[in-house]
Each structure stands twice: as C-alpha cells, then as structure tokens.
Amino acid sequence: MTRASTAIDALSRRNPDAFRLAQAVSFAVVVDRALLRAARVAFVPDADAGAEADLIMHGQLESDSGYTIMGAD
C-alpha cells in the first residue's frame, strides 16, 4: 500500500464526510476553496465545513496524489 492510499484510508475512517468530499472533487487537478465549498454543498450536503478543513489540512493527499487542494492564502 502506498503512502497516499494509506492516508486516504485513514481519512475515510477518521472523517467519512471528508472522504466523500474528496471523491466528489477527485476529477479536478486543482481544488480551490470555492470549488471545495460548492462540491460539499452539492454532493455531500450533510457534511459540515469540518470536512473541507480536513481536506485542506490533509497534506499527505496534496503531496502524494498528484493533485492540489488550495488552502489558506
């Protein structure tokens, strides 16, 4: 198992809403905060903003998966 797959598995166990949100935006190469918010509202409506924060703060996904989640400016 790669580091990225291990990190994704850990995220799915720790915060299932964040995992579903990651799946919803997985088609994008770059995910900015506006896209993340829109995807959460549209595709994971029961999730709170904590799901967004978990993805923004989850550095392992950013560094190993080949796509970038844009965090704070």
PDB file of N, CA and C in Angstrom:
ATOM      1  N   MET A   1       0.842  -1.167   0.000  1.00  0.00           N
ATOM      2  CA  MET A   1       0.000   0.000   0.000  1.00  0.00           C
ATOM      3  C   MET A   1       0.894   1.239   0.000  1.00  0.00           C
ATOM      4  N   THR A   2       0.583   2.197  -0.865  1.00  0.00           N
ATOM      5  CA  THR A   2       1.380   3.419  -0.943  1.00  0.00           C
ATOM      6  C   THR A   2       1.036   4.367   0.205  1.00  0.00           C
ATOM      7  N   ARG A   3       1.886   5.369   0.395  1.00  0.00           N
ATOM      8  CA  ARG A   3       1.598   6.364   1.436  1.00  0.00           C
ATOM      9  C   ARG A   3       0.289   7.085   1.157  1.00  0.00           C
ATOM     10  N   ALA A   4       0.038   7.387  -0.118  1.00  0.00           N
ATOM     11  CA  ALA A   4      -1.194   8.091  -0.463  1.00  0.00           C
ATOM     12  C   ALA A   4      -2.414   7.231  -0.161  1.00  0.00           C
ATOM     13  N   SER A   5      -2.368   5.956  -0.529  1.00  0.00           N
ATOM     14  CA  SER A   5      -3.527   5.099  -0.268  1.00  0.00           C
ATOM     15  C   SER A   5      -3.718   4.873   1.227  1.00  0.00           C
ATOM     16  N   THR A   6      -2.632   4.821   1.975  1.00  0.00           N
ATOM     17  CA  THR A   6      -2.729   4.702   3.425  1.00  0.00           C
ATOM     18  C   THR A   6      -3.370   5.958   4.013  1.00  0.00           C
ATOM     19  N   ALA A   7      -2.971   7.125   3.523  1.00  0.00           N
ATOM     20  CA  ALA A   7      -3.533   8.383   4.005  1.00  0.00           C
ATOM     21  C   ALA A   7      -5.012   8.495   3.661  1.00  0.00           C
ATOM     22  N   ILE A   8      -5.379   8.086   2.464  1.00  0.00           N
ATOM     23  CA  ILE A   8      -6.779   8.135   2.047  1.00  0.00           C
ATOM     24  C   ILE A   8      -7.614   7.180   2.887  1.00  0.00           C
ATOM     25  N   ASP A   9      -7.086   6.007   3.158  1.00  0.00           N
ATOM     26  CA  ASP A   9      -7.791   5.048   4.005  1.00  0.00           C
ATOM     27  C   ASP A   9      -7.990   5.618   5.409  1.00  0.00           C
ATOM     28  N   ALA A  10      -6.958   6.258   5.942  1.00  0.00           N
ATOM     29  CA  ALA A  10      -7.059   6.866   7.275  1.00  0.00           C
ATOM     30  C   ALA A  10      -8.104   7.980   7.285  1.00  0.00           C
ATOM     31  N   LEU A  11      -8.131   8.795   6.231  1.00  0.00           N
ATOM     32  CA  LEU A  11      -9.119   9.861   6.134  1.00  0.00           C
ATOM     33  C   LEU A  11     -10.526   9.286   6.087  1.00  0.00           C
ATOM     34  N   SER A  12     -10.729   8.215   5.342  1.00  0.00           N
ATOM     35  CA  SER A  12     -12.065   7.624   5.233  1.00  0.00           C
ATOM     36  C   SER A  12     -12.560   7.097   6.569  1.00  0.00           C
ATOM     37  N   ARG A  13     -11.639   6.648   7.412  1.00  0.00           N
ATOM     38  CA  ARG A  13     -12.036   6.168   8.737  1.00  0.00           C
ATOM     39  C   ARG A  13     -12.252   7.320   9.712  1.00  0.00           C
ATOM     40  N   ARG A  14     -11.392   8.341   9.634  1.00  0.00           N
ATOM     41  CA  ARG A  14     -11.468   9.457  10.575  1.00  0.00           C
ATOM     42  C   ARG A  14     -12.634  10.394  10.278  1.00  0.00           C
ATOM     43  N   ASN A  15     -12.855  10.694   9.000  1.00  0.00           N
ATOM     44  CA  ASN A  15     -13.910  11.633   8.625  1.00  0.00           C
ATOM     45  C   ASN A  15     -14.540  11.176   7.307  1.00  0.00           C
ATOM     46  N   PRO A  16     -15.559  10.320   7.383  1.00  0.00           N
ATOM     47  CA  PRO A  16     -16.196   9.813   6.163  1.00  0.00           C
ATOM     48  C   PRO A  16     -16.740  10.924   5.257  1.00  0.00           C
ATOM     49  N   ASP A  17     -17.212  12.024   5.841  1.00  0.00           N
ATOM     50  CA  ASP A  17     -17.703  13.132   5.015  1.00  0.00           C
ATOM     51  C   ASP A  17     -16.572  13.749   4.201  1.00  0.00           C
ATOM     52  N   ALA A  18     -15.417  13.914   4.811  1.00  0.00           N
ATOM     53  CA  ALA A  18     -14.264  14.454   4.080  1.00  0.00           C
ATOM     54  C   ALA A  18     -13.851  13.498   2.971  1.00  0.00           C
ATOM     55  N   PHE A  19     -13.930  12.211   3.240  1.00  0.00           N
ATOM     56  CA  PHE A  19     -13.599  11.217   2.216  1.00  0.00           C
ATOM     57  C   PHE A  19     -14.564  11.326   1.038  1.00  0.00           C
ATOM     58  N   ARG A  20     -15.867  11.442   1.320  1.00  0.00           N
ATOM     59  CA  ARG A  20     -16.854  11.575   0.236  1.00  0.00           C
ATOM     60  C   ARG A  20     -16.636  12.875  -0.528  1.00  0.00           C
ATOM     61  N   LEU A  21     -16.259  13.931   0.179  1.00  0.00           N
ATOM     62  CA  LEU A  21     -15.964  15.200  -0.483  1.00  0.00           C
ATOM     63  C   LEU A  21     -14.742  15.058  -1.387  1.00  0.00           C
ATOM     64  N   ALA A  22     -13.732  14.360  -0.923  1.00  0.00           N
ATOM     65  CA  ALA A  22     -12.545  14.113  -1.753  1.00  0.00           C
ATOM     66  C   ALA A  22     -12.915  13.344  -3.010  1.00  0.00           C
ATOM     67  N   GLN A  23     -13.810  12.374  -2.871  1.00  0.00           N
ATOM     68  CA  GLN A  23     -14.266  11.636  -4.048  1.00  0.00           C
ATOM     69  C   GLN A  23     -14.983  12.571  -5.024  1.00  0.00           C
ATOM     70  N   ALA A  24     -15.788  13.486  -4.490  1.00  0.00           N
ATOM     71  CA  ALA A  24     -16.560  14.395  -5.337  1.00  0.00           C
ATOM     72  C   ALA A  24     -15.671  15.331  -6.148  1.00  0.00           C
ATOM     73  N   VAL A  25     -14.519  15.701  -5.613  1.00  0.00           N
ATOM     74  CA  VAL A  25     -13.638  16.635  -6.329  1.00  0.00           C
ATOM     75  C   VAL A  25     -12.451  15.930  -6.979  1.00  0.00           C
ATOM     76  N   SER A  26     -12.441  14.624  -6.962  1.00  0.00           N
ATOM     77  CA  SER A  26     -11.282  13.889  -7.467  1.00  0.00           C
ATOM     78  C   SER A  26     -11.045  14.067  -8.969  1.00  0.00           C
ATOM     79  N   PHE A  27     -12.022  14.553  -9.688  1.00  0.00           N
ATOM     80  CA  PHE A  27     -11.857  14.803 -11.127  1.00  0.00           C
ATOM     81  C   PHE A  27     -11.007  16.029 -11.403  1.00  0.00           C
ATOM     82  N   ALA A  28     -10.870  16.907 -10.439  1.00  0.00           N
ATOM     83  CA  ALA A  28     -10.175  18.179 -10.649  1.00  0.00           C
ATOM     84  C   ALA A  28      -8.683  18.044 -10.370  1.00  0.00           C
ATOM     85  N   VAL A  29      -7.889  18.778 -11.121  1.00  0.00           N
ATOM     86  CA  VAL A  29      -6.446  18.794 -10.901  1.00  0.00           C
ATOM     87  C   VAL A  29      -6.102  19.745  -9.758  1.00  0.00           C
ATOM     88  N   VAL A  30      -6.757  20.894  -9.729  1.00  0.00           N
ATOM     89  CA  VAL A  30      -6.572  21.870  -8.660  1.00  0.00           C
ATOM     90  C   VAL A  30      -7.940  22.134  -8.038  1.00  0.00           C
ATOM     91  N   VAL A  31      -7.995  22.053  -6.726  1.00  0.00           N
ATOM     92  CA  VAL A  31      -9.236  22.292  -5.999  1.00  0.00           C
ATOM     93  C   VAL A  31      -9.036  23.509  -5.114  1.00  0.00           C
ATOM     94  N   ASP A  32      -9.720  24.604  -5.445  1.00  0.00           N
ATOM     95  CA  ASP A  32      -9.624  25.778  -4.587  1.00  0.00           C
ATOM     96  C   ASP A  32     -10.758  25.744  -3.568  1.00  0.00           C
ATOM     97  N   ARG A  33     -10.720  26.683  -2.649  1.00  0.00           N
ATOM     98  CA  ARG A  33     -11.705  26.683  -1.567  1.00  0.00           C
ATOM     99  C   ARG A  33     -13.129  26.844  -2.076  1.00  0.00           C
ATOM    100  N   ALA A  34     -13.323  27.648  -3.126  1.00  0.00           N
ATOM    101  CA  ALA A  34     -14.668  27.857  -3.663  1.00  0.00           C
ATOM    102  C   ALA A  34     -15.221  26.563  -4.269  1.00  0.00           C
ATOM    103  N   LEU A  35     -14.399  25.847  -5.011  1.00  0.00           N
ATOM    104  CA  LEU A  35     -14.840  24.573  -5.583  1.00  0.00           C
ATOM    105  C   LEU A  35     -15.135  23.565  -4.480  1.00  0.00           C
ATOM    106  N   LEU A  36     -14.288  23.520  -3.469  1.00  0.00           N
ATOM    107  CA  LEU A  36     -14.493  22.597  -2.362  1.00  0.00           C
ATOM    108  C   LEU A  36     -15.816  22.885  -1.658  1.00  0.00           C
ATOM    109  N   ARG A  37     -16.099  24.152  -1.401  1.00  0.00           N
ATOM    110  CA  ARG A  37     -17.362  24.526  -0.753  1.00  0.00           C
ATOM    111  C   ARG A  37     -18.553  24.161  -1.630  1.00  0.00           C
ATOM    112  N   ALA A  38     -18.484  24.490  -2.915  1.00  0.00           N
ATOM    113  CA  ALA A  38     -19.590  24.180  -3.827  1.00  0.00           C
ATOM    114  C   ALA A  38     -19.820  22.674  -3.922  1.00  0.00           C
ATOM    115  N   ALA A  39     -18.746  21.908  -3.962  1.00  0.00           N
ATOM    116  CA  ALA A  39     -18.878  20.447  -4.035  1.00  0.00           C
ATOM    117  C   ALA A  39     -19.477  19.892  -2.750  1.00  0.00           C
ATOM    118  N   ARG A  40     -19.081  20.442  -1.611  1.00  0.00           N
ATOM    119  CA  ARG A  40     -19.652  19.963  -0.346  1.00  0.00           C
ATOM    120  C   ARG A  40     -21.150  20.220  -0.308  1.00  0.00           C
ATOM    121  N   VAL A  41     -21.559  21.422  -0.679  1.00  0.00           N
ATOM    122  CA  VAL A  41     -22.977  21.780  -0.645  1.00  0.00           C
ATOM    123  C   VAL A  41     -23.778  20.928  -1.637  1.00  0.00           C
ATOM    124  N   ALA A  42     -23.222  20.700  -2.811  1.00  0.00           N
ATOM    125  CA  ALA A  42     -23.948  19.974  -3.851  1.00  0.00           C
ATOM    126  C   ALA A  42     -23.926  18.454  -3.680  1.00  0.00           C
ATOM    127  N   PHE A  43     -22.779  17.904  -3.287  1.00  0.00           N
ATOM    128  CA  PHE A  43     -22.619  16.451  -3.318  1.00  0.00           C
ATOM    129  C   PHE A  43     -22.573  15.773  -1.951  1.00  0.00           C
ATOM    130  N   VAL A  44     -22.255  16.530  -0.909  1.00  0.00           N
ATOM    131  CA  VAL A  44     -22.208  15.965   0.445  1.00  0.00           C
ATOM    132  C   VAL A  44     -22.935  16.953   1.371  1.00  0.00           C
ATOM    133  N   PRO A  45     -24.231  17.170   1.130  1.00  0.00           N
ATOM    134  CA  PRO A  45     -24.950  18.228   1.833  1.00  0.00           C
ATOM    135  C   PRO A  45     -25.051  18.046   3.348  1.00  0.00           C
ATOM    136  N   ASP A  46     -24.916  16.838   3.830  1.00  0.00           N
ATOM    137  CA  ASP A  46     -24.981  16.606   5.276  1.00  0.00           C
ATOM    138  C   ASP A  46     -23.661  16.904   5.978  1.00  0.00           C
ATOM    139  N   ALA A  47     -22.603  17.129   5.210  1.00  0.00           N
ATOM    140  CA  ALA A  47     -21.279  17.403   5.789  1.00  0.00           C
ATOM    141  C   ALA A  47     -21.205  18.853   6.249  1.00  0.00           C
ATOM    142  N   ASP A  48     -20.412  19.077   7.289  1.00  0.00           N
ATOM    143  CA  ASP A  48     -20.189  20.447   7.745  1.00  0.00           C
ATOM    144  C   ASP A  48     -18.855  20.960   7.188  1.00  0.00           C
ATOM    145  N   ALA A  49     -18.533  22.192   7.507  1.00  0.00           N
ATOM    146  CA  ALA A  49     -17.307  22.799   6.991  1.00  0.00           C
ATOM    147  C   ALA A  49     -16.056  22.076   7.486  1.00  0.00           C
ATOM    148  N   GLY A  50     -16.185  21.276   8.535  1.00  0.00           N
ATOM    149  CA  GLY A  50     -15.049  20.493   9.020  1.00  0.00           C
ATOM    150  C   GLY A  50     -14.526  19.524   7.985  1.00  0.00           C
ATOM    151  N   ALA A  51     -15.402  19.031   7.116  1.00  0.00           N
ATOM    152  CA  ALA A  51     -14.957  18.137   6.043  1.00  0.00           C
ATOM    153  C   ALA A  51     -14.027  18.880   5.088  1.00  0.00           C
ATOM    154  N   GLU A  52     -14.370  20.121   4.782  1.00  0.00           N
ATOM    155  CA  GLU A  52     -13.498  20.945   3.943  1.00  0.00           C
ATOM    156  C   GLU A  52     -12.157  21.165   4.633  1.00  0.00           C
ATOM    157  N   ALA A  53     -12.208  21.512   5.902  1.00  0.00           N
ATOM    158  CA  ALA A  53     -10.982  21.781   6.652  1.00  0.00           C
ATOM    159  C   ALA A  53     -10.088  20.553   6.697  1.00  0.00           C
ATOM    160  N   ASP A  54     -10.683  19.372   6.886  1.00  0.00           N
ATOM    161  CA  ASP A  54      -9.875  18.153   6.909  1.00  0.00           C
ATOM    162  C   ASP A  54      -9.140  17.950   5.594  1.00  0.00           C
ATOM    163  N   LEU A  55      -9.803  18.237   4.480  1.00  0.00           N
ATOM    164  CA  LEU A  55      -9.120  18.073   3.190  1.00  0.00           C
ATOM    165  C   LEU A  55      -8.037  19.125   2.987  1.00  0.00           C
ATOM    166  N   ILE A  56      -8.323  20.356   3.372  1.00  0.00           N
ATOM    167  CA  ILE A  56      -7.325  21.411   3.213  1.00  0.00           C
ATOM    168  C   ILE A  56      -6.092  21.121   4.068  1.00  0.00           C
ATOM    169  N   MET A  57      -6.309  20.606   5.259  1.00  0.00           N
ATOM    170  CA  MET A  57      -5.210  20.357   6.184  1.00  0.00           C
ATOM    171  C   MET A  57      -4.536  18.998   5.980  1.00  0.00           C
ATOM    172  N   HIS A  58      -5.077  18.183   5.117  1.00  0.00           N
ATOM    173  CA  HIS A  58      -4.558  16.828   4.919  1.00  0.00           C
ATOM    174  C   HIS A  58      -3.420  16.860   3.907  1.00  0.00           C
ATOM    175  N   GLY A  59      -2.247  17.260   4.352  1.00  0.00           N
ATOM    176  CA  GLY A  59      -1.095  17.469   3.480  1.00  0.00           C
ATOM    177  C   GLY A  59      -0.661  16.249   2.698  1.00  0.00           C
ATOM    178  N   GLN A  60      -0.850  15.069   3.237  1.00  0.00           N
ATOM    179  CA  GLN A  60      -0.430  13.847   2.550  1.00  0.00           C
ATOM    180  C   GLN A  60      -1.159  13.690   1.215  1.00  0.00           C
ATOM    181  N   LEU A  61      -2.433  14.019   1.175  1.00  0.00           N
ATOM    182  CA  LEU A  61      -3.174  13.935  -0.087  1.00  0.00           C
ATOM    183  C   LEU A  61      -2.576  14.882  -1.113  1.00  0.00           C
ATOM    184  N   GLU A  62      -2.254  16.083  -0.670  1.00  0.00           N
ATOM    185  CA  GLU A  62      -1.703  17.076  -1.589  1.00  0.00           C
ATOM    186  C   GLU A  62      -0.366  16.639  -2.145  1.00  0.00           C
ATOM    187  N   SER A  63       0.487  16.097  -1.316  1.00  0.00           N
ATOM    188  CA  SER A  63       1.840  15.820  -1.762  1.00  0.00           C
ATOM    189  C   SER A  63       1.985  14.517  -2.539  1.00  0.00           C
ATOM    190  N   ASP A  64       1.116  13.554  -2.310  1.00  0.00           N
ATOM    191  CA  ASP A  64       1.300  12.246  -2.928  1.00  0.00           C
ATOM    192  C   ASP A  64       0.302  11.892  -4.027  1.00  0.00           C
ATOM    193  N   SER A  65      -0.802  12.581  -4.114  1.00  0.00           N
ATOM    194  CA  SER A  65      -1.847  12.122  -5.006  1.00  0.00           C
ATOM    195  C   SER A  65      -1.770  12.695  -6.412  1.00  0.00           C
ATOM    196  N   GLY A  66      -0.973  13.725  -6.623  1.00  0.00           N
ATOM    197  CA  GLY A  66      -0.870  14.310  -7.954  1.00  0.00           C
ATOM    198  C   GLY A  66      -1.829  15.450  -8.190  1.00  0.00           C
ATOM    199  N   TYR A  67      -2.647  15.773  -7.213  1.00  0.00           N
ATOM    200  CA  TYR A  67      -3.475  16.976  -7.347  1.00  0.00           C
ATOM    201  C   TYR A  67      -3.299  17.837  -6.117  1.00  0.00           C
ATOM    202  N   THR A  68      -3.752  19.068  -6.237  1.00  0.00           N
ATOM    203  CA  THR A  68      -3.504  20.037  -5.179  1.00  0.00           C
ATOM    204  C   THR A  68      -4.813  20.588  -4.653  1.00  0.00           C
ATOM    205  N   ILE A  69      -4.896  20.670  -3.340  1.00  0.00           N
ATOM    206  CA  ILE A  69      -6.009  21.356  -2.693  1.00  0.00           C
ATOM    207  C   ILE A  69      -5.442  22.666  -2.170  1.00  0.00           C
ATOM    208  N   MET A  70      -6.000  23.755  -2.652  1.00  0.00           N
ATOM    209  CA  MET A  70      -5.513  25.078  -2.278  1.00  0.00           C
ATOM    210  C   MET A  70      -6.078  25.443  -0.916  1.00  0.00           C
ATOM    211  N   GLY A  71      -5.193  25.732   0.032  1.00  0.00           N
ATOM    212  CA  GLY A  71      -5.615  26.091   1.376  1.00  0.00           C
ATOM    213  C   GLY A  71      -5.622  27.585   1.578  1.00  0.00           C
ATOM    214  N   ALA A  72      -5.241  27.991   2.745  1.00  0.00           N
ATOM    215  CA  ALA A  72      -5.216  29.413   3.074  1.00  0.00           C
ATOM    216  C   ALA A  72      -4.215  30.143   2.210  1.00  0.00           C
ATOM    217  N   ASP A  73      -4.521  31.380   1.902  1.00  0.00           N
ATOM    218  CA  ASP A  73      -3.637  32.194   1.053  1.00  0.00           C
ATOM    219  C   ASP A  73      -2.338  32.492   1.724  1.00  0.00           C
TER     220      ASP A  73
END
